[in-house]
Amino acid sequence: MQAMRFIDVYGNDYGRVIILPKDATLRVVLEENPSTGYRWQVEEADNGCLRMVSNEFVANNAHAIGAPGMVVFYFKPVRPGFCPLDLKRWRPWEGDKSVVERFRIAVSIISG
């Protein structure tokens, strides 16, 4: 059984080109505090070459209500290619005027 391979990306990787082998999973880890109502959401991903498979919130302190933490998005490559990945932190019910932060990378999916 082969161990799962991750390529990790963080907020300070904004604007970078990320090389993602087709047998790896891309993990995007961003700071978030859902108790404020502001949540990260995928704004644009080329579903032809990259697919989000899940996301989860990990609190910095699991015992503190409303604690900030990290949101982790998991993406699997679909096919080799070059695709943009854009996320925004916002309050969805307030619309685009509520966007307080954006995150953008480009992903280059390679065969090996």
N, C-alpha and C. Protein backbone atom coordinates (compact mmCIF):
# COMPACT_ATOMS: atom_id res chain seq x y z
N MET A 1 0.84 -1.18 0.00
CA MET A 1 0.00 0.00 0.00
C MET A 1 0.89 1.25 0.00
N GLN A 2 0.63 2.14 -0.93
CA GLN A 2 1.44 3.35 -1.07
C GLN A 2 0.91 4.45 -0.15
N ALA A 3 1.82 5.14 0.54
CA ALA A 3 1.43 6.24 1.42
C ALA A 3 0.94 7.41 0.57
N MET A 4 -0.05 8.13 1.11
CA MET A 4 -0.56 9.29 0.41
C MET A 4 0.49 10.39 0.42
N ARG A 5 0.66 11.03 -0.70
CA ARG A 5 1.67 12.08 -0.85
C ARG A 5 0.97 13.44 -0.94
N PHE A 6 1.41 14.40 -0.12
CA PHE A 6 0.81 15.72 -0.10
C PHE A 6 1.81 16.79 -0.52
N ILE A 7 1.31 17.78 -1.24
CA ILE A 7 2.04 19.01 -1.51
C ILE A 7 1.29 20.09 -0.74
N ASP A 8 1.96 20.70 0.25
CA ASP A 8 1.30 21.67 1.11
C ASP A 8 1.58 23.10 0.66
N VAL A 9 0.54 23.93 0.70
CA VAL A 9 0.61 25.33 0.32
C VAL A 9 -0.03 26.14 1.44
N TYR A 10 0.60 27.27 1.77
CA TYR A 10 0.13 28.13 2.87
C TYR A 10 -0.11 29.54 2.35
N GLY A 11 -0.68 30.38 3.20
CA GLY A 11 -1.00 31.75 2.82
C GLY A 11 0.16 32.53 2.23
N ASN A 12 1.37 32.28 2.70
CA ASN A 12 2.53 33.02 2.18
C ASN A 12 2.99 32.51 0.81
N ASP A 13 2.30 31.52 0.26
CA ASP A 13 2.59 31.02 -1.08
C ASP A 13 1.77 31.74 -2.15
N TYR A 14 1.04 32.78 -1.76
CA TYR A 14 0.22 33.56 -2.68
C TYR A 14 1.04 33.93 -3.93
N GLY A 15 0.43 33.69 -5.10
CA GLY A 15 1.06 34.09 -6.36
C GLY A 15 2.06 33.10 -6.93
N ARG A 16 2.37 32.06 -6.20
CA ARG A 16 3.37 31.09 -6.67
C ARG A 16 2.78 30.12 -7.68
N VAL A 17 3.67 29.49 -8.44
CA VAL A 17 3.32 28.36 -9.29
C VAL A 17 3.70 27.11 -8.51
N ILE A 18 2.75 26.22 -8.31
CA ILE A 18 2.95 24.99 -7.54
C ILE A 18 3.03 23.82 -8.50
N ILE A 19 4.08 23.03 -8.39
CA ILE A 19 4.22 21.82 -9.20
C ILE A 19 3.55 20.68 -8.45
N LEU A 20 2.57 20.04 -9.08
CA LEU A 20 1.80 18.97 -8.44
C LEU A 20 1.89 17.69 -9.28
N PRO A 21 2.64 16.68 -8.81
CA PRO A 21 2.65 15.40 -9.52
C PRO A 21 1.25 14.79 -9.53
N LYS A 22 0.91 14.07 -10.60
CA LYS A 22 -0.46 13.55 -10.74
C LYS A 22 -0.83 12.53 -9.66
N ASP A 23 0.17 11.99 -8.96
CA ASP A 23 -0.12 11.00 -7.91
C ASP A 23 -0.15 11.63 -6.51
N ALA A 24 -0.14 12.96 -6.43
CA ALA A 24 -0.13 13.65 -5.14
C ALA A 24 -1.44 14.40 -4.91
N THR A 25 -1.66 14.80 -3.67
CA THR A 25 -2.81 15.62 -3.29
C THR A 25 -2.30 16.99 -2.87
N LEU A 26 -2.95 18.03 -3.37
CA LEU A 26 -2.61 19.39 -2.98
C LEU A 26 -3.41 19.76 -1.74
N ARG A 27 -2.68 20.22 -0.69
CA ARG A 27 -3.35 20.70 0.53
C ARG A 27 -3.11 22.20 0.63
N VAL A 28 -4.19 22.97 0.64
CA VAL A 28 -4.10 24.42 0.81
C VAL A 28 -4.55 24.72 2.24
N VAL A 29 -3.64 25.31 3.03
CA VAL A 29 -3.88 25.55 4.46
C VAL A 29 -3.89 27.06 4.69
N LEU A 30 -5.04 27.60 5.15
CA LEU A 30 -5.19 29.03 5.35
C LEU A 30 -5.79 29.32 6.72
N GLU A 31 -5.38 30.44 7.32
CA GLU A 31 -5.91 30.84 8.62
C GLU A 31 -7.37 31.25 8.47
N GLU A 32 -8.18 30.84 9.46
CA GLU A 32 -9.61 31.15 9.42
C GLU A 32 -10.17 31.17 10.83
N ASN A 33 -11.18 32.01 11.03
CA ASN A 33 -11.94 32.01 12.28
C ASN A 33 -13.41 32.03 11.92
N PRO A 34 -14.04 30.86 11.79
CA PRO A 34 -15.41 30.80 11.31
C PRO A 34 -16.42 31.51 12.22
N SER A 35 -16.08 31.73 13.48
CA SER A 35 -17.03 32.39 14.38
C SER A 35 -17.28 33.84 13.97
N THR A 36 -16.41 34.42 13.12
CA THR A 36 -16.60 35.78 12.62
C THR A 36 -17.56 35.81 11.43
N GLY A 37 -17.85 34.64 10.89
CA GLY A 37 -18.69 34.55 9.69
C GLY A 37 -17.89 34.55 8.40
N TYR A 38 -16.62 34.96 8.49
CA TYR A 38 -15.78 34.98 7.29
C TYR A 38 -15.17 33.60 7.09
N ARG A 39 -15.46 33.02 5.91
CA ARG A 39 -14.99 31.68 5.60
C ARG A 39 -14.29 31.70 4.24
N TRP A 40 -13.31 30.81 4.10
CA TRP A 40 -12.65 30.64 2.81
C TRP A 40 -13.53 29.78 1.91
N GLN A 41 -13.57 30.13 0.63
CA GLN A 41 -14.32 29.36 -0.35
C GLN A 41 -13.57 29.40 -1.67
N VAL A 42 -13.63 28.30 -2.39
CA VAL A 42 -13.00 28.26 -3.72
C VAL A 42 -13.80 29.18 -4.63
N GLU A 43 -13.09 30.12 -5.23
CA GLU A 43 -13.73 31.06 -6.15
C GLU A 43 -13.61 30.56 -7.58
N GLU A 44 -12.43 30.04 -7.92
CA GLU A 44 -12.22 29.51 -9.26
C GLU A 44 -11.20 28.40 -9.21
N ALA A 45 -11.54 27.29 -9.83
CA ALA A 45 -10.61 26.18 -10.02
C ALA A 45 -10.97 25.55 -11.35
N ASP A 46 -9.99 25.30 -12.16
CA ASP A 46 -10.24 24.68 -13.45
C ASP A 46 -10.55 23.21 -13.20
N ASN A 47 -11.83 22.87 -13.19
CA ASN A 47 -12.24 21.49 -12.90
C ASN A 47 -11.77 20.49 -13.93
N GLY A 48 -11.26 20.99 -15.06
CA GLY A 48 -10.73 20.08 -16.06
C GLY A 48 -9.42 19.45 -15.63
N CYS A 49 -8.66 20.12 -14.76
CA CYS A 49 -7.38 19.53 -14.36
C CYS A 49 -7.21 19.43 -12.84
N LEU A 50 -8.09 20.05 -12.07
CA LEU A 50 -7.96 20.04 -10.61
C LEU A 50 -9.36 19.95 -9.99
N ARG A 51 -9.51 19.08 -8.99
CA ARG A 51 -10.82 18.86 -8.38
C ARG A 51 -10.71 18.89 -6.86
N MET A 52 -11.53 19.72 -6.21
CA MET A 52 -11.54 19.72 -4.75
C MET A 52 -12.27 18.47 -4.26
N VAL A 53 -11.63 17.74 -3.34
CA VAL A 53 -12.25 16.52 -2.83
C VAL A 53 -12.82 16.70 -1.43
N SER A 54 -12.27 17.64 -0.64
CA SER A 54 -12.83 17.89 0.70
C SER A 54 -12.17 19.11 1.31
N ASN A 55 -12.72 19.54 2.44
CA ASN A 55 -12.09 20.57 3.25
C ASN A 55 -12.50 20.36 4.70
N GLU A 56 -11.67 20.89 5.61
CA GLU A 56 -11.95 20.73 7.04
C GLU A 56 -11.38 21.92 7.79
N PHE A 57 -11.97 22.22 8.95
CA PHE A 57 -11.47 23.27 9.82
C PHE A 57 -10.81 22.61 11.02
N VAL A 58 -9.61 23.08 11.37
CA VAL A 58 -8.87 22.56 12.52
C VAL A 58 -8.63 23.75 13.46
N ALA A 59 -9.29 23.74 14.63
CA ALA A 59 -9.15 24.84 15.60
C ALA A 59 -7.78 24.78 16.26
N ASN A 60 -7.24 25.96 16.55
CA ASN A 60 -5.96 26.03 17.26
C ASN A 60 -6.10 25.49 18.68
N ASN A 61 -7.27 25.71 19.28
CA ASN A 61 -7.55 25.23 20.63
C ASN A 61 -8.93 24.59 20.59
N ALA A 62 -8.97 23.29 20.56
CA ALA A 62 -10.23 22.56 20.40
C ALA A 62 -11.19 22.79 21.57
N HIS A 63 -10.70 23.30 22.69
CA HIS A 63 -11.55 23.47 23.87
C HIS A 63 -12.14 24.87 23.99
N ALA A 64 -11.70 25.80 23.14
CA ALA A 64 -12.18 27.18 23.22
C ALA A 64 -13.23 27.43 22.14
N ILE A 65 -14.43 27.81 22.54
CA ILE A 65 -15.49 28.12 21.59
C ILE A 65 -15.10 29.37 20.81
N GLY A 66 -15.25 29.33 19.50
CA GLY A 66 -14.94 30.47 18.65
C GLY A 66 -13.45 30.65 18.37
N ALA A 67 -12.67 29.62 18.69
CA ALA A 67 -11.22 29.73 18.50
C ALA A 67 -10.86 29.79 17.02
N PRO A 68 -9.85 30.60 16.68
CA PRO A 68 -9.37 30.60 15.30
C PRO A 68 -8.61 29.31 15.02
N GLY A 69 -8.33 29.09 13.77
CA GLY A 69 -7.59 27.90 13.39
C GLY A 69 -7.21 27.95 11.93
N MET A 70 -7.20 26.78 11.33
CA MET A 70 -6.81 26.66 9.92
C MET A 70 -7.89 25.89 9.17
N VAL A 71 -8.16 26.34 7.96
CA VAL A 71 -9.01 25.57 7.07
C VAL A 71 -8.08 24.88 6.08
N VAL A 72 -8.36 23.62 5.80
CA VAL A 72 -7.52 22.83 4.90
C VAL A 72 -8.38 22.33 3.75
N PHE A 73 -7.99 22.71 2.53
CA PHE A 73 -8.66 22.25 1.32
C PHE A 73 -7.80 21.18 0.68
N TYR A 74 -8.44 20.12 0.20
CA TYR A 74 -7.74 19.01 -0.46
C TYR A 74 -8.16 18.97 -1.93
N PHE A 75 -7.17 18.98 -2.82
CA PHE A 75 -7.42 18.94 -4.26
C PHE A 75 -6.65 17.78 -4.89
N LYS A 76 -7.31 17.07 -5.79
CA LYS A 76 -6.67 15.99 -6.55
C LYS A 76 -6.52 16.43 -8.00
N PRO A 77 -5.38 16.11 -8.59
CA PRO A 77 -5.22 16.40 -10.02
C PRO A 77 -6.09 15.47 -10.86
N VAL A 78 -6.63 16.00 -11.94
CA VAL A 78 -7.46 15.21 -12.85
C VAL A 78 -6.65 14.80 -14.07
N ARG A 79 -5.88 15.76 -14.59
CA ARG A 79 -5.06 15.50 -15.78
C ARG A 79 -3.90 16.49 -15.78
N PRO A 80 -2.82 16.16 -16.47
CA PRO A 80 -1.71 17.12 -16.57
C PRO A 80 -2.18 18.42 -17.21
N GLY A 81 -1.60 19.52 -16.76
CA GLY A 81 -1.96 20.81 -17.31
C GLY A 81 -1.64 21.92 -16.33
N PHE A 82 -2.03 23.12 -16.69
CA PHE A 82 -1.75 24.32 -15.90
C PHE A 82 -3.09 24.95 -15.56
N CYS A 83 -3.39 25.11 -14.28
CA CYS A 83 -4.68 25.67 -13.92
C CYS A 83 -4.57 26.65 -12.76
N PRO A 84 -5.41 27.70 -12.80
CA PRO A 84 -5.45 28.66 -11.71
C PRO A 84 -6.27 28.10 -10.55
N LEU A 85 -5.95 28.57 -9.35
CA LEU A 85 -6.76 28.22 -8.18
C LEU A 85 -6.92 29.50 -7.36
N ASP A 86 -8.14 29.97 -7.25
CA ASP A 86 -8.46 31.20 -6.53
C ASP A 86 -9.44 30.90 -5.41
N LEU A 87 -9.14 31.45 -4.22
CA LEU A 87 -10.05 31.34 -3.09
C LEU A 87 -10.31 32.73 -2.54
N LYS A 88 -11.44 32.89 -1.87
CA LYS A 88 -11.76 34.17 -1.24
C LYS A 88 -12.29 33.92 0.16
N ARG A 89 -11.99 34.87 1.06
CA ARG A 89 -12.51 34.81 2.43
C ARG A 89 -13.59 35.87 2.52
N TRP A 90 -14.81 35.43 2.82
CA TRP A 90 -15.97 36.32 2.77
C TRP A 90 -17.10 35.79 3.61
N ARG A 91 -18.14 36.58 3.70
CA ARG A 91 -19.41 36.17 4.30
C ARG A 91 -20.36 35.95 3.12
N PRO A 92 -20.63 34.70 2.78
CA PRO A 92 -21.40 34.40 1.56
C PRO A 92 -22.76 35.12 1.51
N TRP A 93 -23.41 35.28 2.64
CA TRP A 93 -24.74 35.89 2.64
C TRP A 93 -24.68 37.40 2.37
N GLU A 94 -23.47 38.00 2.46
CA GLU A 94 -23.33 39.43 2.19
C GLU A 94 -22.83 39.70 0.77
N GLY A 95 -22.48 38.65 0.04
CA GLY A 95 -22.04 38.82 -1.35
C GLY A 95 -20.59 39.27 -1.47
N ASP A 96 -20.19 39.58 -2.71
CA ASP A 96 -18.80 39.90 -3.01
C ASP A 96 -18.29 41.16 -2.29
N LYS A 97 -19.16 42.05 -1.89
CA LYS A 97 -18.71 43.25 -1.18
C LYS A 97 -18.08 42.90 0.17
N SER A 98 -18.32 41.69 0.65
CA SER A 98 -17.79 41.28 1.95
C SER A 98 -16.42 40.59 1.85
N VAL A 99 -15.88 40.44 0.65
CA VAL A 99 -14.57 39.78 0.50
C VAL A 99 -13.50 40.60 1.21
N VAL A 100 -12.79 39.97 2.15
CA VAL A 100 -11.74 40.66 2.90
C VAL A 100 -10.34 40.17 2.54
N GLU A 101 -10.27 39.04 1.84
CA GLU A 101 -8.97 38.50 1.49
C GLU A 101 -9.13 37.53 0.33
N ARG A 102 -8.10 37.48 -0.50
CA ARG A 102 -8.07 36.53 -1.61
C ARG A 102 -6.77 35.75 -1.57
N PHE A 103 -6.81 34.55 -2.12
CA PHE A 103 -5.63 33.70 -2.22
C PHE A 103 -5.60 33.14 -3.63
N ARG A 104 -4.45 33.24 -4.29
CA ARG A 104 -4.35 32.77 -5.67
C ARG A 104 -3.00 32.08 -5.88
N ILE A 105 -3.06 30.92 -6.51
CA ILE A 105 -1.87 30.22 -6.97
C ILE A 105 -2.17 29.67 -8.35
N ALA A 106 -1.14 29.24 -9.04
CA ALA A 106 -1.30 28.50 -10.29
C ALA A 106 -0.73 27.11 -10.04
N VAL A 107 -1.40 26.10 -10.55
CA VAL A 107 -0.97 24.72 -10.32
C VAL A 107 -0.58 24.10 -11.65
N SER A 108 0.63 23.58 -11.68
CA SER A 108 1.12 22.87 -12.86
C SER A 108 1.16 21.38 -12.52
N ILE A 109 0.25 20.64 -13.13
CA ILE A 109 0.15 19.21 -12.85
C ILE A 109 1.05 18.47 -13.84
N ILE A 110 1.95 17.66 -13.30
CA ILE A 110 2.90 16.94 -14.14
C ILE A 110 2.67 15.44 -14.05
N SER A 111 3.13 14.71 -15.04
CA SER A 111 2.88 13.27 -15.13
C SER A 111 3.63 12.46 -14.07
N GLY A 112 4.80 12.89 -13.65
CA GLY A 112 5.57 12.04 -12.77
C GLY A 112 6.02 12.65 -11.56
